Amino acid sequence: MNTQRELQKLGVRPVEGQNFLTSENTVEALVEAGEVEDKVVLEIGAGIGAITEELADKAEKVYAVESDTTLATHLKGLELENVEVINESILEYEIPEDVDRCVGNIPFQISSEILNILGKKQIQSSLLVQKELAEKAVADPGDKNYGFFSVRINYFYVPVKLRTVPARNFYPSPDVDGAILKLYPNKDRHGVENEEEFLKVAKALFTHKRKKIRNSFVDVRHILDIEKDRAKELRDEIPHSEKRVIKLNVNEINEITVFYLENF
């Protein structure tokens, strides 16, 4: 399929954030990584259907989400029997409970929001994302790319970066390379009892990720609704108080969250 010619035929002029995959090898690799055989699959950003058709050959059913009305109409015209086309933004779509997998070349500018939605649903996913985002997802504690995003991904998932996809494999070519990111659901193993509070504490601490826990905790007291004197009084009792925030893993942040909930 000639992507540029197909878009011109449809009268679709890509807007910022619309980067269509043109490499058949990458499409095959993305779908293979998705482990979609006989599964119910959510595809995000179905575009002109290059990935959709590959999924339809292998999956039991595909929910193909595409926010562009012209492209959604084109997808329906493909008349793939096991594909349901949804003309809606993924950020507003209620993902069906029967979805087993997610595969997609997702819009770079809303990748973080999409990963958060999928993480909460615990859907095993194979996604084409911005290379920099993939590197943040797989960063280890202490790495320069490690931050709150890394913590959130590693709470929800075991992330694996499979391969880099050069910008030339998209139309139009973005300013950055992409990468295939595979995400295995993971959150149950951490024993986090209050997800909302865990994420709140993690996000607060990582606003000062180079500082020691004892200092960061005092600095973010307003985010955590703690009195300054109380924060100073207990800062040396906080688990891992002498460790720097950037070196904390998910389990250590959970220990800090439990301490916070018990003492503040």
Protein backbone atom coordinates (compact mmCIF):
# COMPACT_ATOMS: atom_id res chain seq x y z
CA MET A 1 0.00 0.00 0.00
CA ASN A 2 1.36 3.40 -1.00
CA THR A 3 0.44 5.46 2.05
CA GLN A 4 0.98 8.90 0.54
CA ARG A 5 -1.02 8.06 -2.60
CA GLU A 6 -3.85 6.53 -0.56
CA LEU A 7 -4.11 9.63 1.63
CA GLN A 8 -4.15 11.89 -1.41
CA LYS A 9 -6.92 9.78 -2.94
CA LEU A 10 -8.94 10.17 0.26
CA GLY A 11 -8.25 13.91 0.38
CA VAL A 12 -6.57 13.58 3.77
CA ARG A 13 -3.78 16.02 4.50
CA PRO A 14 -1.90 14.85 7.63
CA VAL A 15 -2.02 17.31 10.51
CA GLU A 16 0.51 17.62 13.30
CA GLY A 17 0.69 14.35 15.20
CA GLN A 18 -0.54 12.22 12.28
CA ASN A 19 2.42 10.09 11.17
CA PHE A 20 1.37 7.06 9.16
CA LEU A 21 3.50 3.92 9.19
CA THR A 22 4.80 3.03 5.73
CA SER A 23 7.04 0.03 6.48
CA GLU A 24 5.40 -3.38 5.97
CA ASN A 25 8.18 -5.05 7.97
CA THR A 26 7.45 -2.78 10.93
CA VAL A 27 3.72 -3.48 10.67
CA GLU A 28 4.45 -7.22 10.78
CA ALA A 29 6.83 -6.82 13.72
CA LEU A 30 4.32 -4.71 15.66
CA VAL A 31 1.52 -7.23 15.14
CA GLU A 32 3.78 -10.19 15.92
CA ALA A 33 4.82 -8.52 19.17
CA GLY A 34 1.14 -8.06 20.00
CA GLU A 35 0.53 -11.83 20.34
CA VAL A 36 -2.93 -11.35 18.84
CA GLU A 37 -3.69 -14.85 17.56
CA ASP A 38 -7.37 -15.58 18.36
CA LYS A 39 -7.49 -12.57 20.72
CA VAL A 40 -9.83 -9.58 20.93
CA VAL A 41 -7.66 -6.61 20.00
CA LEU A 42 -7.95 -2.86 20.42
CA GLU A 43 -6.15 -0.91 17.71
CA ILE A 44 -5.45 2.74 18.47
CA GLY A 45 -5.02 5.10 15.52
CA ALA A 46 -6.08 2.74 12.74
CA GLY A 47 -5.36 5.26 9.97
CA ILE A 48 -5.74 3.83 6.47
CA GLY A 49 -5.79 0.24 7.74
CA ALA A 50 -2.26 -1.09 7.17
CA ILE A 51 -2.09 -2.52 10.70
CA THR A 52 -5.85 -3.22 10.82
CA GLU A 53 -5.73 -5.64 7.89
CA GLU A 54 -2.79 -7.51 9.41
CA LEU A 55 -4.63 -7.75 12.73
CA ALA A 56 -7.83 -8.92 11.05
CA ASP A 57 -5.99 -11.90 9.55
CA LYS A 58 -4.92 -13.15 12.97
CA ALA A 59 -7.23 -11.84 15.70
CA GLU A 60 -10.68 -13.06 16.65
CA LYS A 61 -12.00 -9.48 16.68
CA VAL A 62 -10.55 -5.99 16.26
CA TYR A 63 -11.88 -2.73 17.66
CA ALA A 64 -10.26 -0.19 15.33
CA VAL A 65 -10.35 3.28 16.90
CA GLU A 66 -9.80 6.22 14.53
CA SER A 67 -10.75 9.80 15.39
CA ASP A 68 -10.53 11.13 11.81
CA THR A 69 -13.98 10.77 10.21
CA THR A 70 -12.69 10.42 6.64
CA LEU A 71 -10.25 7.68 7.66
CA ALA A 72 -12.91 5.92 9.74
CA THR A 73 -15.24 5.89 6.71
CA HIS A 74 -12.40 4.46 4.61
CA LEU A 75 -11.80 1.72 7.20
CA LYS A 76 -15.46 0.75 7.19
CA GLY A 77 -15.24 0.52 3.40
CA LEU A 78 -12.60 -2.21 3.73
CA GLU A 79 -15.45 -4.45 4.96
CA LEU A 80 -13.30 -6.60 7.21
CA GLU A 81 -15.78 -9.00 8.86
CA ASN A 82 -14.14 -9.16 12.28
CA VAL A 83 -13.32 -5.43 12.54
CA GLU A 84 -15.53 -2.90 14.29
CA VAL A 85 -14.53 0.66 13.38
CA ILE A 86 -14.99 3.29 16.09
CA ASN A 87 -14.88 6.92 14.95
CA GLU A 88 -13.88 8.43 18.29
CA SER A 89 -10.89 9.74 20.22
CA ILE A 90 -9.23 7.01 22.28
CA LEU A 91 -9.19 9.46 25.19
CA GLU A 92 -13.01 9.44 25.21
CA TYR A 93 -13.63 5.84 24.18
CA GLU A 94 -14.86 3.32 26.75
CA ILE A 95 -12.66 0.28 26.11
CA PRO A 96 -14.77 -2.92 26.00
CA GLU A 97 -14.20 -5.43 28.78
CA ASP A 98 -13.49 -8.27 26.34
CA VAL A 99 -10.29 -6.67 24.97
CA ASP A 100 -7.25 -8.96 25.45
CA ARG A 101 -4.56 -7.00 23.61
CA CYS A 102 -3.80 -3.53 22.30
CA VAL A 103 -1.74 -2.79 19.20
CA GLY A 104 -1.21 0.54 17.53
CA ASN A 105 0.87 3.30 16.02
CA ILE A 106 -0.32 5.78 18.61
CA PRO A 107 -0.24 9.59 18.29
CA PHE A 108 3.03 10.77 19.83
CA GLN A 109 1.53 13.86 21.45
CA ILE A 110 -0.97 11.87 23.60
CA SER A 111 1.16 8.77 24.18
CA SER A 112 1.48 9.35 27.92
CA GLU A 113 -2.29 9.64 28.38
CA ILE A 114 -2.89 6.51 26.30
CA LEU A 115 -0.35 4.50 28.30
CA ASN A 116 -2.03 5.61 31.51
CA ILE A 117 -5.44 4.44 30.26
CA LEU A 118 -4.06 1.06 29.14
CA GLY A 119 -2.11 0.70 32.38
CA LYS A 120 -5.20 1.14 34.52
CA LYS A 121 -7.00 -1.44 32.37
CA GLN A 122 -3.95 -3.79 32.54
CA ILE A 123 -4.09 -4.62 28.81
CA GLN A 124 -1.03 -6.30 27.32
CA SER A 125 0.12 -3.96 24.56
CA SER A 126 2.45 -3.61 21.60
CA LEU A 127 2.76 0.05 20.62
CA LEU A 128 4.73 2.23 18.28
CA VAL A 129 5.79 5.24 20.33
CA GLN A 130 8.37 8.00 20.25
CA LYS A 131 11.85 6.53 20.83
CA GLU A 132 12.54 8.93 23.69
CA LEU A 133 9.35 7.82 25.43
CA ALA A 134 10.30 4.16 25.06
CA GLU A 135 13.70 4.88 26.60
CA LYS A 136 12.04 6.59 29.56
CA ALA A 137 9.71 3.62 29.97
CA VAL A 138 12.57 1.11 30.25
CA ALA A 139 14.94 3.35 32.25
CA ASP A 140 16.26 1.89 35.53
CA PRO A 141 16.37 3.77 38.84
CA GLY A 142 19.31 6.18 38.75
CA ASP A 143 19.33 6.46 34.96
CA LYS A 144 19.19 10.02 33.55
CA ASN A 145 15.92 9.15 31.74
CA TYR A 146 14.30 7.81 34.92
CA GLY A 147 11.42 9.90 36.25
CA PHE A 148 7.79 9.76 37.34
CA PHE A 149 6.75 8.48 33.90
CA SER A 150 9.19 5.55 34.33
CA VAL A 151 7.78 4.78 37.78
CA ARG A 152 4.20 4.83 36.52
CA ILE A 153 5.01 2.55 33.57
CA ASN A 154 6.99 0.14 35.78
CA TYR A 155 4.13 0.04 38.27
CA PHE A 156 1.58 -0.81 35.59
CA TYR A 157 3.84 -2.91 33.35
CA VAL A 158 7.04 -4.76 32.64
CA PRO A 159 8.16 -2.67 29.63
CA VAL A 160 10.41 -4.00 26.86
CA LYS A 161 11.79 -1.88 24.01
CA LEU A 162 11.94 -4.21 21.01
CA ARG A 163 13.36 -2.11 18.19
CA THR A 164 13.92 1.43 16.96
CA VAL A 165 11.86 2.54 13.96
CA PRO A 166 13.61 5.30 11.98
CA ALA A 167 11.61 8.41 11.12
CA ARG A 168 11.86 7.57 7.40
CA ASN A 169 9.39 4.71 7.99
CA PHE A 170 6.57 7.20 8.56
CA TYR A 171 4.66 9.59 6.33
CA PRO A 172 5.10 12.42 6.91
CA SER A 173 8.44 11.78 8.62
CA PRO A 174 8.41 13.05 12.22
CA ASP A 175 11.35 14.93 13.72
CA VAL A 176 12.19 11.92 15.91
CA ASP A 177 12.52 8.16 15.54
CA GLY A 178 9.94 5.76 16.88
CA ALA A 179 10.25 2.49 18.76
CA ILE A 180 8.16 -0.62 19.35
CA LEU A 181 7.35 -0.87 23.05
CA LYS A 182 5.91 -4.08 24.46
CA LEU A 183 4.06 -3.84 27.76
CA TYR A 184 3.26 -6.80 30.02
CA PRO A 185 0.65 -6.13 32.78
CA ASN A 186 2.44 -6.02 36.11
CA LYS A 187 0.80 -3.99 38.86
CA ASP A 188 -0.50 -6.82 41.09
CA ARG A 189 3.00 -7.97 42.03
CA HIS A 190 3.86 -4.74 43.85
CA GLY A 191 1.25 -5.05 46.59
CA VAL A 192 0.14 -1.42 46.24
CA GLU A 193 -3.11 -1.09 48.17
CA ASN A 194 -3.91 2.53 47.32
CA GLU A 195 -3.02 3.23 43.69
CA GLU A 196 -4.21 6.84 43.72
CA GLU A 197 -2.11 7.76 46.77
CA PHE A 198 0.90 5.82 45.48
CA LEU A 199 0.87 7.75 42.20
CA LYS A 200 0.31 11.04 44.04
CA VAL A 201 3.31 10.47 46.31
CA ALA A 202 5.51 9.32 43.41
CA LYS A 203 4.60 12.34 41.28
CA ALA A 204 5.21 14.72 44.17
CA LEU A 205 8.62 13.27 45.05
CA PHE A 206 9.81 13.34 41.44
CA THR A 207 9.31 17.08 41.21
CA HIS A 208 12.67 17.13 43.06
CA LYS A 209 14.13 13.89 41.78
CA ARG A 210 17.79 14.76 42.46
CA LYS A 211 17.21 15.48 46.15
CA LYS A 212 17.30 13.05 49.06
CA ILE A 213 13.92 11.75 50.21
CA ARG A 214 14.11 13.62 53.52
CA ASN A 215 14.50 16.94 51.70
CA SER A 216 12.15 16.26 48.82
CA PHE A 217 9.40 15.30 51.24
CA VAL A 218 9.60 18.65 53.01
CA ASP A 219 9.72 20.52 49.69
CA VAL A 220 6.54 18.84 48.38
CA ARG A 221 4.56 19.10 51.63
CA HIS A 222 2.03 21.44 49.99
CA ILE A 223 1.27 18.82 47.30
CA LEU A 224 0.80 16.14 49.96
CA ASP A 225 -1.08 18.49 52.30
CA ILE A 226 1.41 18.18 55.18
CA GLU A 227 2.27 20.85 57.74
CA LYS A 228 5.89 22.01 57.46
CA ASP A 229 6.72 21.29 61.11
CA ARG A 230 5.25 17.79 60.87
CA ALA A 231 7.19 17.08 57.69
CA LYS A 232 10.44 18.19 59.33
CA GLU A 233 9.67 16.20 62.48
CA LEU A 234 9.29 12.89 60.63
CA ARG A 235 11.53 13.32 57.60
CA ASP A 236 14.35 11.18 59.03
CA GLU A 237 11.92 8.36 59.83
CA ILE A 238 10.70 8.09 56.25
CA PRO A 239 11.84 4.83 54.62
CA HIS A 240 14.96 5.36 52.48
CA SER A 241 15.23 8.95 53.77
CA GLU A 242 18.90 9.27 52.75
CA LYS A 243 18.34 7.89 49.27
CA ARG A 244 17.90 10.21 46.30
CA VAL A 245 14.48 10.17 44.67
CA ILE A 246 15.85 9.22 41.25
CA LYS A 247 17.17 5.95 42.71
CA LEU A 248 13.82 4.77 44.11
CA ASN A 249 12.10 1.73 42.59
CA VAL A 250 8.36 1.04 42.69
CA ASN A 251 8.47 -1.05 45.87
CA GLU A 252 10.46 1.59 47.74
CA ILE A 253 8.01 4.31 46.72
CA ASN A 254 5.21 2.07 47.95
CA GLU A 255 6.95 1.79 51.35
CA ILE A 256 7.13 5.59 51.50
CA THR A 257 3.45 5.84 50.53
CA VAL A 258 2.45 3.47 53.35
CA PHE A 259 4.47 5.57 55.82
CA TYR A 260 2.81 8.74 54.51
CA LEU A 261 -0.69 7.29 54.88
CA GLU A 262 0.03 6.04 58.40
CA ASN A 263 1.64 9.23 59.72
CA PHE A 264 0.11 12.24 57.96
